[in-house]
């Protein structure tokens, strides 16, 4: 239970009547929207700069020298990591914990740059036409 100012309560009642719903429906929808908004803003991963620096030392040469997607996957896998589509781009993951370790941009490249270099898109990324 919580108290609402009479002006707010009157506005909610009027809105509920016009929508042929209830105040409870309006409040549930408002709470859901607010929670989605709050969750969406926090979903972007943050990367530890020390971890990123270590990953750059470990994998930058592999990103630079790979001749294709499979070669890049193999090189990264040999060092205990996995390359996967993530958030519209690519990221290096720890396959044991499923934690994102670094984005492709941390290695000075992107999914699109690699696709141009390799002559084909990364298999898991659908580029809008």
Protein backbone atom coordinates (compact mmCIF):
# COMPACT_ATOMS: atom_id res chain seq x y z
CA UNK A 1 0.00 0.00 0.00
CA UNK A 2 1.09 3.54 -0.68
CA UNK A 3 -0.62 6.91 -0.64
CA UNK A 4 -1.25 9.02 -3.70
CA UNK A 5 -2.00 12.70 -3.84
CA UNK A 6 -5.69 13.27 -4.64
CA UNK A 7 -4.78 15.08 -7.88
CA UNK A 8 -2.76 12.06 -9.04
CA UNK A 9 -5.51 9.67 -7.97
CA UNK A 10 -8.12 11.70 -9.89
CA UNK A 11 -5.92 11.69 -13.01
CA UNK A 12 -5.41 7.91 -12.71
CA UNK A 13 -9.14 7.32 -12.32
CA UNK A 14 -9.89 9.46 -15.39
CA UNK A 15 -7.23 7.65 -17.43
CA UNK A 16 -8.52 4.25 -16.31
CA UNK A 17 -12.08 5.20 -17.33
CA UNK A 18 -10.96 6.41 -20.75
CA UNK A 19 -8.89 3.25 -21.33
CA UNK A 20 -11.59 1.00 -19.87
CA UNK A 21 -8.99 -0.42 -17.51
CA UNK A 22 -8.22 -0.12 -13.83
CA UNK A 23 -5.82 2.00 -11.82
CA UNK A 24 -4.04 -1.24 -10.90
CA UNK A 25 -3.52 -2.04 -14.62
CA UNK A 26 -2.07 1.42 -15.25
CA UNK A 27 0.27 1.15 -12.26
CA UNK A 28 1.42 -2.37 -13.22
CA UNK A 29 2.20 -1.20 -16.77
CA UNK A 30 4.05 1.87 -15.48
CA UNK A 31 6.14 -0.25 -13.10
CA UNK A 32 6.98 -2.77 -15.86
CA UNK A 33 8.05 0.02 -18.23
CA UNK A 34 10.17 1.64 -15.55
CA UNK A 35 11.85 -1.63 -14.62
CA UNK A 36 12.61 -2.38 -18.30
CA UNK A 37 14.07 1.10 -18.71
CA UNK A 38 16.20 0.73 -15.59
CA UNK A 39 17.40 -2.75 -16.58
CA UNK A 40 18.15 -1.73 -20.16
CA UNK A 41 20.41 1.09 -19.02
CA UNK A 42 22.46 -1.26 -16.84
CA UNK A 43 22.81 -4.12 -19.29
CA UNK A 44 25.84 -2.77 -21.16
CA UNK A 45 28.87 -4.65 -19.92
CA UNK A 46 31.75 -2.81 -18.34
CA UNK A 47 35.28 -3.97 -18.92
CA UNK A 48 38.08 -3.93 -16.39
CA UNK A 49 40.89 -1.86 -17.98
CA UNK A 50 43.54 -4.17 -16.52
CA UNK A 51 41.84 -7.24 -17.99
CA UNK A 52 41.43 -5.50 -21.35
CA UNK A 53 45.13 -4.56 -21.38
CA UNK A 54 46.09 -8.17 -20.63
CA UNK A 55 43.73 -9.43 -23.34
CA UNK A 56 45.21 -6.95 -25.81
CA UNK A 57 48.72 -8.22 -25.09
CA UNK A 58 47.53 -11.80 -25.46
CA UNK A 59 45.32 -11.54 -28.55
CA UNK A 60 46.08 -8.39 -30.60
CA UNK A 61 48.53 -10.22 -32.83
CA UNK A 62 45.95 -12.95 -33.47
CA UNK A 63 43.35 -10.38 -34.57
CA UNK A 64 45.95 -8.76 -36.83
CA UNK A 65 47.33 -11.97 -38.35
CA UNK A 66 44.19 -14.10 -38.78
CA UNK A 67 43.39 -15.00 -42.37
CA UNK A 68 39.70 -15.78 -41.84
CA UNK A 69 37.00 -16.37 -39.27
CA UNK A 70 37.99 -19.97 -38.57
CA UNK A 71 41.65 -19.02 -38.25
CA UNK A 72 40.75 -16.26 -35.81
CA UNK A 73 38.48 -18.59 -33.81
CA UNK A 74 41.24 -21.22 -33.69
CA UNK A 75 43.89 -18.73 -32.57
CA UNK A 76 41.67 -17.38 -29.80
CA UNK A 77 40.57 -20.88 -28.76
CA UNK A 78 44.21 -22.01 -28.47
CA UNK A 79 44.65 -19.33 -25.81
CA UNK A 80 41.60 -20.47 -23.88
CA UNK A 81 39.00 -17.99 -25.10
CA UNK A 82 36.08 -17.85 -27.52
CA UNK A 83 34.98 -15.24 -30.06
CA UNK A 84 31.22 -14.74 -30.26
CA UNK A 85 28.66 -12.29 -31.55
CA UNK A 86 27.64 -9.90 -28.82
CA UNK A 87 25.56 -6.73 -28.83
CA UNK A 88 25.69 -6.26 -32.59
CA UNK A 89 29.45 -6.83 -32.72
CA UNK A 90 32.03 -9.31 -31.52
CA UNK A 91 33.48 -10.01 -28.11
CA UNK A 92 36.02 -12.36 -26.59
CA UNK A 93 34.52 -14.56 -23.87
CA UNK A 94 35.87 -16.83 -21.19
CA UNK A 95 34.16 -20.10 -22.21
CA UNK A 96 34.18 -21.42 -18.64
CA UNK A 97 32.44 -18.47 -16.98
CA UNK A 98 30.72 -17.09 -20.11
CA UNK A 99 32.03 -13.66 -19.08
CA UNK A 100 32.78 -11.07 -21.77
CA UNK A 101 36.44 -10.21 -21.49
CA UNK A 102 36.87 -7.63 -24.27
CA UNK A 103 35.15 -6.30 -27.38
CA UNK A 104 36.65 -6.54 -30.86
CA UNK A 105 37.09 -2.77 -30.76
CA UNK A 106 39.53 -3.24 -27.89
CA UNK A 107 41.77 -4.90 -30.48
CA UNK A 108 41.48 -2.04 -32.95
CA UNK A 109 38.93 -3.71 -35.19
CA UNK A 110 35.23 -4.43 -35.55
CA UNK A 111 32.99 -7.14 -36.97
CA UNK A 112 32.55 -5.05 -40.14
CA UNK A 113 36.27 -4.41 -40.58
CA UNK A 114 37.04 -8.10 -40.14
CA UNK A 115 34.21 -9.05 -42.52
CA UNK A 116 35.70 -6.81 -45.20
CA UNK A 117 39.15 -8.26 -44.61
CA UNK A 118 37.93 -11.88 -44.59
CA UNK A 119 35.48 -11.41 -47.47
CA UNK A 120 32.46 -12.65 -45.50
CA UNK A 121 30.32 -11.70 -42.52
CA UNK A 122 30.76 -13.38 -39.17
CA UNK A 123 28.31 -16.31 -39.27
CA UNK A 124 26.35 -15.27 -36.16
CA UNK A 125 25.90 -11.59 -37.02
CA UNK A 126 23.06 -10.47 -39.23
CA UNK A 127 23.86 -7.10 -40.74
CA UNK A 128 20.74 -5.02 -41.45
CA UNK A 129 20.24 -4.49 -45.18
